């Protein structure tokens, strides 16, 4: 478990030093401020990353087919069923 490149022993030493220097009354307030600062830094870096990605990737235009090329079903053709005798079966023979 490495947090910011430090192992658990280094983190314990830093917390013990902070407890001695600041005292038990101020330590929760300082931890809260550090947490807010880290949260703000993450938010800002996320916003910057999103902005960079948006500017790097070219905008892809939405391609829509022209209205003339849209095939609409013929209501008269779908109303008449296809007769089985009118259908031709295609026989596929092997090449050998």
PDB file of N, CA and C in Angstrom:
ATOM      1  N   UNK A   1       0.844  -1.172   0.000  1.00  0.00           N
ATOM      2  CA  UNK A   1       0.000   0.000   0.000  1.00  0.00           C
ATOM      3  C   UNK A   1       0.890   1.237   0.000  1.00  0.00           C
ATOM      4  N   UNK A   2       1.027   1.865  -1.135  1.00  0.00           N
ATOM      5  CA  UNK A   2       1.820   3.081  -1.239  1.00  0.00           C
ATOM      6  C   UNK A   2       0.900   4.264  -1.500  1.00  0.00           C
ATOM      7  N   UNK A   3       0.940   5.229  -0.624  1.00  0.00           N
ATOM      8  CA  UNK A   3       0.172   6.453  -0.792  1.00  0.00           C
ATOM      9  C   UNK A   3       1.176   7.568  -1.027  1.00  0.00           C
ATOM     10  N   UNK A   4       1.082   8.187  -2.204  1.00  0.00           N
ATOM     11  CA  UNK A   4       2.009   9.244  -2.606  1.00  0.00           C
ATOM     12  C   UNK A   4       3.463   8.772  -2.545  1.00  0.00           C
ATOM     13  N   UNK A   5       3.679   7.503  -2.849  1.00  0.00           N
ATOM     14  CA  UNK A   5       5.033   6.973  -2.864  1.00  0.00           C
ATOM     15  C   UNK A   5       5.603   6.668  -1.489  1.00  0.00           C
ATOM     16  N   UNK A   6       4.759   6.701  -0.463  1.00  0.00           N
ATOM     17  CA  UNK A   6       5.222   6.411   0.906  1.00  0.00           C
ATOM     18  C   UNK A   6       4.557   5.130   1.397  1.00  0.00           C
ATOM     19  N   UNK A   7       5.315   4.355   2.132  1.00  0.00           N
ATOM     20  CA  UNK A   7       4.784   3.141   2.719  1.00  0.00           C
ATOM     21  C   UNK A   7       4.067   3.419   4.025  1.00  0.00           C
ATOM     22  N   UNK A   8       3.539   2.393   4.662  1.00  0.00           N
ATOM     23  CA  UNK A   8       2.795   2.571   5.915  1.00  0.00           C
ATOM     24  C   UNK A   8       3.664   3.107   7.054  1.00  0.00           C
ATOM     25  N   UNK A   9       4.917   2.699   7.120  1.00  0.00           N
ATOM     26  CA  UNK A   9       5.786   3.155   8.202  1.00  0.00           C
ATOM     27  C   UNK A   9       6.040   4.665   8.109  1.00  0.00           C
ATOM     28  N   UNK A  10       6.269   5.148   6.899  1.00  0.00           N
ATOM     29  CA  UNK A  10       6.490   6.587   6.726  1.00  0.00           C
ATOM     30  C   UNK A  10       5.250   7.390   7.109  1.00  0.00           C
ATOM     31  N   UNK A  11       4.068   6.882   6.742  1.00  0.00           N
ATOM     32  CA  UNK A  11       2.820   7.571   7.091  1.00  0.00           C
ATOM     33  C   UNK A  11       2.622   7.640   8.606  1.00  0.00           C
ATOM     34  N   UNK A  12       2.944   6.560   9.314  1.00  0.00           N
ATOM     35  CA  UNK A  12       2.812   6.548  10.776  1.00  0.00           C
ATOM     36  C   UNK A  12       3.758   7.572  11.398  1.00  0.00           C
ATOM     37  N   UNK A  13       4.983   7.651  10.892  1.00  0.00           N
ATOM     38  CA  UNK A  13       5.956   8.615  11.416  1.00  0.00           C
ATOM     39  C   UNK A  13       5.458  10.042  11.175  1.00  0.00           C
ATOM     40  N   UNK A  14       4.939  10.326  10.005  1.00  0.00           N
ATOM     41  CA  UNK A  14       4.437  11.670   9.702  1.00  0.00           C
ATOM     42  C   UNK A  14       3.247  12.011  10.597  1.00  0.00           C
ATOM     43  N   UNK A  15       2.328  11.066  10.798  1.00  0.00           N
ATOM     44  CA  UNK A  15       1.172  11.318  11.670  1.00  0.00           C
ATOM     45  C   UNK A  15       1.603  11.549  13.123  1.00  0.00           C
ATOM     46  N   UNK A  16       2.603  10.793  13.579  1.00  0.00           N
ATOM     47  CA  UNK A  16       3.094  10.986  14.944  1.00  0.00           C
ATOM     48  C   UNK A  16       3.743  12.359  15.091  1.00  0.00           C
ATOM     49  N   UNK A  17       4.528  12.771  14.109  1.00  0.00           N
ATOM     50  CA  UNK A  17       5.138  14.103  14.149  1.00  0.00           C
ATOM     51  C   UNK A  17       4.068  15.204  14.120  1.00  0.00           C
ATOM     52  N   UNK A  18       3.044  15.023  13.309  1.00  0.00           N
ATOM     53  CA  UNK A  18       1.964  16.010  13.241  1.00  0.00           C
ATOM     54  C   UNK A  18       1.231  16.093  14.575  1.00  0.00           C
ATOM     55  N   UNK A  19       1.034  14.964  15.221  1.00  0.00           N
ATOM     56  CA  UNK A  19       0.364  14.949  16.525  1.00  0.00           C
ATOM     57  C   UNK A  19       1.193  15.683  17.568  1.00  0.00           C
ATOM     58  N   UNK A  20       2.506  15.493  17.528  1.00  0.00           N
ATOM     59  CA  UNK A  20       3.381  16.167  18.495  1.00  0.00           C
ATOM     60  C   UNK A  20       3.435  17.663  18.208  1.00  0.00           C
ATOM     61  N   UNK A  21       3.558  18.039  16.947  1.00  0.00           N
ATOM     62  CA  UNK A  21       3.725  19.451  16.591  1.00  0.00           C
ATOM     63  C   UNK A  21       2.427  20.233  16.789  1.00  0.00           C
ATOM     64  N   UNK A  22       1.319  19.726  16.289  1.00  0.00           N
ATOM     65  CA  UNK A  22       0.072  20.489  16.310  1.00  0.00           C
ATOM     66  C   UNK A  22      -0.804  20.196  17.527  1.00  0.00           C
ATOM     67  N   UNK A  23      -0.659  19.037  18.118  1.00  0.00           N
ATOM     68  CA  UNK A  23      -1.471  18.675  19.276  1.00  0.00           C
ATOM     69  C   UNK A  23      -2.772  18.017  18.860  1.00  0.00           C
ATOM     70  N   UNK A  24      -3.400  17.329  19.790  1.00  0.00           N
ATOM     71  CA  UNK A  24      -4.617  16.574  19.459  1.00  0.00           C
ATOM     72  C   UNK A  24      -5.825  17.477  19.174  1.00  0.00           C
ATOM     73  N   UNK A  25      -5.803  18.737  19.628  1.00  0.00           N
ATOM     74  CA  UNK A  25      -6.949  19.618  19.399  1.00  0.00           C
ATOM     75  C   UNK A  25      -6.987  20.125  17.949  1.00  0.00           C
ATOM     76  N   UNK A  26      -5.828  20.458  17.405  1.00  0.00           N
ATOM     77  CA  UNK A  26      -5.758  21.044  16.067  1.00  0.00           C
ATOM     78  C   UNK A  26      -5.689  20.000  14.956  1.00  0.00           C
ATOM     79  N   UNK A  27      -5.283  18.775  15.266  1.00  0.00           N
ATOM     80  CA  UNK A  27      -5.060  17.764  14.239  1.00  0.00           C
ATOM     81  C   UNK A  27      -6.324  17.453  13.419  1.00  0.00           C
ATOM     82  N   UNK A  28      -7.517  17.294  14.010  1.00  0.00           N
ATOM     83  CA  UNK A  28      -8.709  17.043  13.177  1.00  0.00           C
ATOM     84  C   UNK A  28      -9.028  18.198  12.228  1.00  0.00           C
ATOM     85  N   UNK A  29      -8.828  19.430  12.685  1.00  0.00           N
ATOM     86  CA  UNK A  29      -9.091  20.585  11.822  1.00  0.00           C
ATOM     87  C   UNK A  29      -8.126  20.598  10.638  1.00  0.00           C
ATOM     88  N   UNK A  30      -6.864  20.305  10.906  1.00  0.00           N
ATOM     89  CA  UNK A  30      -5.855  20.299   9.842  1.00  0.00           C
ATOM     90  C   UNK A  30      -6.150  19.169   8.854  1.00  0.00           C
ATOM     91  N   UNK A  31      -6.534  18.000   9.371  1.00  0.00           N
ATOM     92  CA  UNK A  31      -6.865  16.876   8.489  1.00  0.00           C
ATOM     93  C   UNK A  31      -8.065  17.220   7.607  1.00  0.00           C
ATOM     94  N   UNK A  32      -9.048  17.923   8.149  1.00  0.00           N
ATOM     95  CA  UNK A  32     -10.213  18.327   7.375  1.00  0.00           C
ATOM     96  C   UNK A  32      -9.820  19.309   6.261  1.00  0.00           C
ATOM     97  N   UNK A  33      -8.948  20.253   6.581  1.00  0.00           N
ATOM     98  CA  UNK A  33      -8.493  21.209   5.574  1.00  0.00           C
ATOM     99  C   UNK A  33      -7.684  20.526   4.477  1.00  0.00           C
ATOM    100  N   UNK A  34      -6.853  19.566   4.873  1.00  0.00           N
ATOM    101  CA  UNK A  34      -6.063  18.819   3.886  1.00  0.00           C
ATOM    102  C   UNK A  34      -6.991  18.009   2.980  1.00  0.00           C
ATOM    103  N   UNK A  35      -8.026  17.392   3.570  1.00  0.00           N
ATOM    104  CA  UNK A  35      -8.996  16.635   2.779  1.00  0.00           C
ATOM    105  C   UNK A  35      -9.730  17.510   1.776  1.00  0.00           C
ATOM    106  N   UNK A  36     -10.130  18.713   2.206  1.00  0.00           N
ATOM    107  CA  UNK A  36     -10.797  19.646   1.292  1.00  0.00           C
ATOM    108  C   UNK A  36      -9.868  20.079   0.169  1.00  0.00           C
ATOM    109  N   UNK A  37      -8.616  20.316   0.509  1.00  0.00           N
ATOM    110  CA  UNK A  37      -7.645  20.735  -0.507  1.00  0.00           C
ATOM    111  C   UNK A  37      -7.418  19.623  -1.535  1.00  0.00           C
ATOM    112  N   UNK A  38      -7.298  18.400  -1.075  1.00  0.00           N
ATOM    113  CA  UNK A  38      -7.093  17.277  -1.997  1.00  0.00           C
ATOM    114  C   UNK A  38      -8.312  17.101  -2.891  1.00  0.00           C
ATOM    115  N   UNK A  39      -9.506  17.222  -2.311  1.00  0.00           N
ATOM    116  CA  UNK A  39     -10.747  17.115  -3.085  1.00  0.00           C
ATOM    117  C   UNK A  39     -10.813  18.204  -4.169  1.00  0.00           C
ATOM    118  N   UNK A  40     -10.432  19.419  -3.817  1.00  0.00           N
ATOM    119  CA  UNK A  40     -10.445  20.533  -4.765  1.00  0.00           C
ATOM    120  C   UNK A  40      -9.420  20.309  -5.873  1.00  0.00           C
ATOM    121  N   UNK A  41      -8.243  19.810  -5.510  1.00  0.00           N
ATOM    122  CA  UNK A  41      -7.200  19.536  -6.515  1.00  0.00           C
ATOM    123  C   UNK A  41      -7.685  18.461  -7.486  1.00  0.00           C
ATOM    124  N   UNK A  42      -8.323  17.409  -6.988  1.00  0.00           N
ATOM    125  CA  UNK A  42      -8.845  16.364  -7.864  1.00  0.00           C
ATOM    126  C   UNK A  42      -9.908  16.910  -8.807  1.00  0.00           C
ATOM    127  N   UNK A  43     -10.776  17.781  -8.299  1.00  0.00           N
ATOM    128  CA  UNK A  43     -11.833  18.354  -9.128  1.00  0.00           C
ATOM    129  C   UNK A  43     -11.235  19.215 -10.243  1.00  0.00           C
ATOM    130  N   UNK A  44     -10.258  20.035  -9.884  1.00  0.00           N
ATOM    131  CA  UNK A  44      -9.640  20.920 -10.870  1.00  0.00           C
ATOM    132  C   UNK A  44      -8.893  20.107 -11.930  1.00  0.00           C
ATOM    133  N   UNK A  45      -8.136  19.102 -11.512  1.00  0.00           N
ATOM    134  CA  UNK A  45      -7.412  18.290 -12.491  1.00  0.00           C
ATOM    135  C   UNK A  45      -8.376  17.529 -13.389  1.00  0.00           C
ATOM    136  N   UNK A  46      -9.490  17.084 -12.853  1.00  0.00           N
ATOM    137  CA  UNK A  46     -10.501  16.411 -13.674  1.00  0.00           C
ATOM    138  C   UNK A  46     -11.085  17.372 -14.701  1.00  0.00           C
ATOM    139  N   UNK A  47     -11.382  18.598 -14.281  1.00  0.00           N
ATOM    140  CA  UNK A  47     -11.915  19.601 -15.212  1.00  0.00           C
ATOM    141  C   UNK A  47     -10.906  19.926 -16.305  1.00  0.00           C
ATOM    142  N   UNK A  48      -9.638  20.080 -15.925  1.00  0.00           N
ATOM    143  CA  UNK A  48      -8.602  20.389 -16.909  1.00  0.00           C
ATOM    144  C   UNK A  48      -8.439  19.229 -17.886  1.00  0.00           C
ATOM    145  N   UNK A  49      -8.443  18.002 -17.383  1.00  0.00           N
ATOM    146  CA  UNK A  49      -8.314  16.830 -18.243  1.00  0.00           C
ATOM    147  C   UNK A  49      -9.476  16.747 -19.224  1.00  0.00           C
ATOM    148  N   UNK A  50     -10.690  16.985 -18.744  1.00  0.00           N
ATOM    149  CA  UNK A  50     -11.858  16.964 -19.631  1.00  0.00           C
ATOM    150  C   UNK A  50     -11.747  18.031 -20.711  1.00  0.00           C
ATOM    151  N   UNK A  51     -11.302  19.211 -20.341  1.00  0.00           N
ATOM    152  CA  UNK A  51     -11.166  20.302 -21.303  1.00  0.00           C
ATOM    153  C   UNK A  51     -10.106  19.973 -22.353  1.00  0.00           C
ATOM    154  N   UNK A  52      -8.999  19.399 -21.929  1.00  0.00           N
ATOM    155  CA  UNK A  52      -7.935  19.025 -22.876  1.00  0.00           C
ATOM    156  C   UNK A  52      -8.436  17.941 -23.823  1.00  0.00           C
ATOM    157  N   UNK A  53      -9.107  16.925 -23.288  1.00  0.00           N
ATOM    158  CA  UNK A  53      -9.636  15.854 -24.131  1.00  0.00           C
ATOM    159  C   UNK A  53     -10.642  16.399 -25.145  1.00  0.00           C
ATOM    160  N   UNK A  54     -11.463  17.336 -24.698  1.00  0.00           N
ATOM    161  CA  UNK A  54     -12.470  17.913 -25.594  1.00  0.00           C
ATOM    162  C   UNK A  54     -11.802  18.691 -26.716  1.00  0.00           C
ATOM    163  N   UNK A  55     -10.695  19.377 -26.439  1.00  0.00           N
ATOM    164  CA  UNK A  55     -10.008  20.151 -27.455  1.00  0.00           C
ATOM    165  C   UNK A  55      -9.122  19.303 -28.356  1.00  0.00           C
ATOM    166  N   UNK A  56      -8.624  18.187 -27.848  1.00  0.00           N
ATOM    167  CA  UNK A  56      -7.757  17.324 -28.652  1.00  0.00           C
ATOM    168  C   UNK A  56      -8.577  16.543 -29.671  1.00  0.00           C
ATOM    169  N   UNK A  57      -9.672  15.941 -29.244  1.00  0.00           N
ATOM    170  CA  UNK A  57     -10.494  15.133 -30.131  1.00  0.00           C
ATOM    171  C   UNK A  57     -11.302  16.050 -31.038  1.00  0.00           C
ATOM    172  N   UNK A  58     -11.233  15.807 -32.337  1.00  0.00           N
ATOM    173  CA  UNK A  58     -12.030  16.644 -33.238  1.00  0.00           C
ATOM    174  C   UNK A  58     -13.514  16.339 -33.044  1.00  0.00           C
ATOM    175  N   UNK A  59     -14.308  17.356 -33.236  1.00  0.00           N
ATOM    176  CA  UNK A  59     -15.741  17.147 -33.125  1.00  0.00           C
ATOM    177  C   UNK A  59     -16.205  16.347 -34.326  1.00  0.00           C
ATOM    178  N   UNK A  60     -16.961  15.320 -34.054  1.00  0.00           N
ATOM    179  CA  UNK A  60     -17.470  14.483 -35.129  1.00  0.00           C
ATOM    180  C   UNK A  60     -18.874  14.955 -35.471  1.00  0.00           C
ATOM    181  N   UNK A  61     -19.055  15.395 -36.722  1.00  0.00           N
ATOM    182  CA  UNK A  61     -20.393  15.867 -37.079  1.00  0.00           C
ATOM    183  C   UNK A  61     -21.364  14.705 -37.169  1.00  0.00           C
ATOM    184  N   UNK A  62     -22.580  14.977 -36.859  1.00  0.00           N
ATOM    185  CA  UNK A  62     -23.613  13.958 -36.958  1.00  0.00           C
ATOM    186  C   UNK A  62     -23.989  13.826 -38.429  1.00  0.00           C
ATOM    187  N   UNK A  63     -23.795  12.654 -38.970  1.00  0.00           N
ATOM    188  CA  UNK A  63     -24.073  12.420 -40.377  1.00  0.00           C
ATOM    189  C   UNK A  63     -25.457  11.796 -40.481  1.00  0.00           C
ATOM    190  N   UNK A  64     -26.313  12.501 -41.168  1.00  0.00           N
ATOM    191  CA  UNK A  64     -27.667  12.006 -41.376  1.00  0.00           C
ATOM    192  C   UNK A  64     -27.885  11.853 -42.873  1.00  0.00           C
ATOM    193  N   UNK A  65     -28.525  10.781 -43.290  1.00  0.00           N
ATOM    194  CA  UNK A  65     -28.777  10.608 -44.716  1.00  0.00           C
ATOM    195  C   UNK A  65     -29.796  11.631 -45.195  1.00  0.00           C
ATOM    196  N   UNK A  66     -29.717  12.005 -46.465  1.00  0.00           N
ATOM    197  CA  UNK A  66     -30.712  12.930 -46.989  1.00  0.00           C
ATOM    198  C   UNK A  66     -32.105  12.311 -46.923  1.00  0.00           C
ATOM    199  N   UNK A  67     -33.097  13.145 -46.834  1.00  0.00           N
ATOM    200  CA  UNK A  67     -34.478  12.664 -46.686  1.00  0.00           C
ATOM    201  C   UNK A  67     -34.909  11.855 -47.892  1.00  0.00           C
ATOM    202  N   UNK A  68     -34.337  12.125 -49.082  1.00  0.00           N
ATOM    203  CA  UNK A  68     -34.733  11.400 -50.288  1.00  0.00           C
ATOM    204  C   UNK A  68     -34.243   9.956 -50.274  1.00  0.00           C
ATOM    205  N   UNK A  69     -33.163   9.691 -49.554  1.00  0.00           N
ATOM    206  CA  UNK A  69     -32.590   8.348 -49.584  1.00  0.00           C
ATOM    207  C   UNK A  69     -33.228   7.406 -48.568  1.00  0.00           C
ATOM    208  N   UNK A  70     -34.135   7.893 -47.759  1.00  0.00           N
ATOM    209  CA  UNK A  70     -34.794   7.035 -46.769  1.00  0.00           C
ATOM    210  C   UNK A  70     -35.843   6.206 -47.474  1.00  0.00           C
ATOM    211  N   UNK A  71     -35.784   4.902 -47.309  1.00  0.00           N
ATOM    212  CA  UNK A  71     -36.736   3.996 -47.938  1.00  0.00           C
ATOM    213  C   UNK A  71     -37.905   3.815 -46.979  1.00  0.00           C
ATOM    214  N   UNK A  72     -39.059   4.161 -47.490  1.00  0.00           N
ATOM    215  CA  UNK A  72     -40.272   4.005 -46.688  1.00  0.00           C
ATOM    216  C   UNK A  72     -41.018   2.772 -47.197  1.00  0.00           C
ATOM    217  N   UNK A  73     -41.580   1.987 -46.277  1.00  0.00           N
ATOM    218  CA  UNK A  73     -42.291   0.780 -46.718  1.00  0.00           C
ATOM    219  C   UNK A  73     -43.556   1.140 -47.489  1.00  0.00           C
ATOM    220  N   UNK A  74     -43.846   0.327 -48.460  1.00  0.00           N
ATOM    221  CA  UNK A  74     -45.049   0.504 -49.253  1.00  0.00           C
ATOM    222  C   UNK A  74     -46.178  -0.231 -48.543  1.00  0.00           C
ATOM    223  N   UNK A  75     -47.195   0.467 -48.062  1.00  0.00           N
ATOM    224  CA  UNK A  75     -48.263  -0.212 -47.319  1.00  0.00           C
ATOM    225  C   UNK A  75     -49.032  -1.206 -48.168  1.00  0.00           C
ATOM    226  N   UNK A  76     -49.137  -0.995 -49.485  1.00  0.00           N
ATOM    227  CA  UNK A  76     -49.865  -1.924 -50.339  1.00  0.00           C
ATOM    228  C   UNK A  76     -49.085  -3.214 -50.533  1.00  0.00           C
ATOM    229  N   UNK A  77     -47.769  -3.124 -50.613  1.00  0.00           N
ATOM    230  CA  UNK A  77     -46.950  -4.315 -50.836  1.00  0.00           C
ATOM    231  C   UNK A  77     -46.933  -5.218 -49.611  1.00  0.00           C
ATOM    232  N   UNK A  78     -46.967  -4.645 -48.429  1.00  0.00           N
ATOM    233  CA  UNK A  78     -46.918  -5.472 -47.231  1.00  0.00           C
ATOM    234  C   UNK A  78     -48.270  -6.090 -46.911  1.00  0.00           C
ATOM    235  N   UNK A  79     -49.345  -5.567 -47.521  1.00  0.00           N
ATOM    236  CA  UNK A  79     -50.681  -6.101 -47.232  1.00  0.00           C
ATOM    237  C   UNK A  79     -50.942  -7.395 -47.980  1.00  0.00           C
ATOM    238  N   UNK A  80     -50.275  -7.605 -49.118  1.00  0.00           N
ATOM    239  CA  UNK A  80     -50.507  -8.819 -49.881  1.00  0.00           C
ATOM    240  C   UNK A  80     -49.458  -9.851 -49.515  1.00  0.00           C
ATOM    241  N   UNK A  81     -49.880 -11.020 -49.055  1.00  0.00           N
ATOM    242  CA  UNK A  81     -48.898 -12.052 -48.696  1.00  0.00           C
ATOM    243  C   UNK A  81     -48.281 -12.672 -49.945  1.00  0.00           C
ATOM    244  N   UNK A  82     -47.084 -13.133 -49.802  1.00  0.00           N
ATOM    245  CA  UNK A  82     -46.383 -13.788 -50.902  1.00  0.00           C
ATOM    246  C   UNK A  82     -46.837 -15.234 -50.951  1.00  0.00           C
ATOM    247  N   UNK A  83     -47.216 -15.669 -52.139  1.00  0.00           N
ATOM    248  CA  UNK A  83     -47.678 -17.041 -52.317  1.00  0.00           C
ATOM    249  C   UNK A  83     -46.489 -17.993 -52.343  1.00  0.00           C
ATOM    250  N   UNK A  84     -46.585 -19.142 -51.677  1.00  0.00           N
ATOM    251  CA  UNK A  84     -45.469 -20.085 -51.682  1.00  0.00           C
ATOM    252  C   UNK A  84     -45.104 -20.571 -53.073  1.00  0.00           C
ATOM    253  N   UNK A  85     -46.062 -20.678 -53.973  1.00  0.00           N
ATOM    254  CA  UNK A  85     -45.751 -21.162 -55.307  1.00  0.00           C
ATOM    255  C   UNK A  85     -44.984 -20.110 -56.103  1.00  0.00           C
ATOM    256  N   UNK A  86     -45.131 -18.844 -55.743  1.00  0.00           N
ATOM    257  CA  UNK A  86     -44.448 -17.783 -56.466  1.00  0.00           C
ATOM    258  C   UNK A  86     -42.989 -17.649 -56.039  1.00  0.00           C
ATOM    259  N   UNK A  87     -42.670 -18.196 -54.892  1.00  0.00           N
ATOM    260  CA  UNK A  87     -41.296 -18.106 -54.413  1.00  0.00           C
ATOM    261  C   UNK A  87     -40.437 -19.141 -55.129  1.00  0.00           C
ATOM    262  N   UNK A  88     -39.250 -18.734 -55.516  1.00  0.00           N
ATOM    263  CA  UNK A  88     -38.312 -19.654 -56.146  1.00  0.00           C
ATOM    264  C   UNK A  88     -37.231 -19.983 -55.132  1.00  0.00           C
ATOM    265  N   UNK A  89     -36.967 -21.243 -55.004  1.00  0.00           N
ATOM    266  CA  UNK A  89     -35.896 -21.660 -54.129  1.00  0.00           C
ATOM    267  C   UNK A  89     -34.590 -21.647 -54.905  1.00  0.00           C
ATOM    268  N   UNK A  90     -33.608 -21.047 -54.316  1.00  0.00           N
ATOM    269  CA  UNK A  90     -32.309 -20.975 -54.964  1.00  0.00           C
ATOM    270  C   UNK A  90     -31.467 -22.122 -54.426  1.00  0.00           C
ATOM    271  N   UNK A  91     -30.999 -22.943 -55.315  1.00  0.00           N
ATOM    272  CA  UNK A  91     -30.208 -24.089 -54.924  1.00  0.00           C
ATOM    273  C   UNK A  91     -28.735 -23.742 -55.118  1.00  0.00           C
ATOM    274  N   UNK A  92     -27.974 -23.912 -54.067  1.00  0.00           N
ATOM    275  CA  UNK A  92     -26.547 -23.635 -54.136  1.00  0.00           C
ATOM    276  C   UNK A  92     -25.824 -24.961 -54.198  1.00  0.00           C
ATOM    277  N   UNK A  93     -25.089 -25.145 -55.301  1.00  0.00           N
ATOM    278  CA  UNK A  93     -24.368 -26.395 -55.471  1.00  0.00           C
ATOM    279  C   UNK A  93     -22.915 -26.195 -55.043  1.00  0.00           C
ATOM    280  N   UNK A  94     -22.302 -27.217 -54.480  1.00  0.00           N
ATOM    281  CA  UNK A  94     -20.894 -27.100 -54.078  1.00  0.00           C
ATOM    282  C   UNK A  94     -20.014 -26.967 -55.310  1.00  0.00           C
ATOM    283  N   UNK A  95     -18.847 -26.337 -55.192  1.00  0.00           N
ATOM    284  CA  UNK A  95     -17.976 -26.101 -56.358  1.00  0.00           C
ATOM    285  C   UNK A  95     -17.263 -27.336 -56.876  1.00  0.00           C
ATOM    286  N   UNK A  96     -17.293 -28.467 -56.247  1.00  0.00           N
ATOM    287  CA  UNK A  96     -16.563 -29.637 -56.713  1.00  0.00           C
ATOM    288  C   UNK A  96     -17.430 -30.570 -57.485  1.00  0.00           C
TER     289      UNK A  96
END
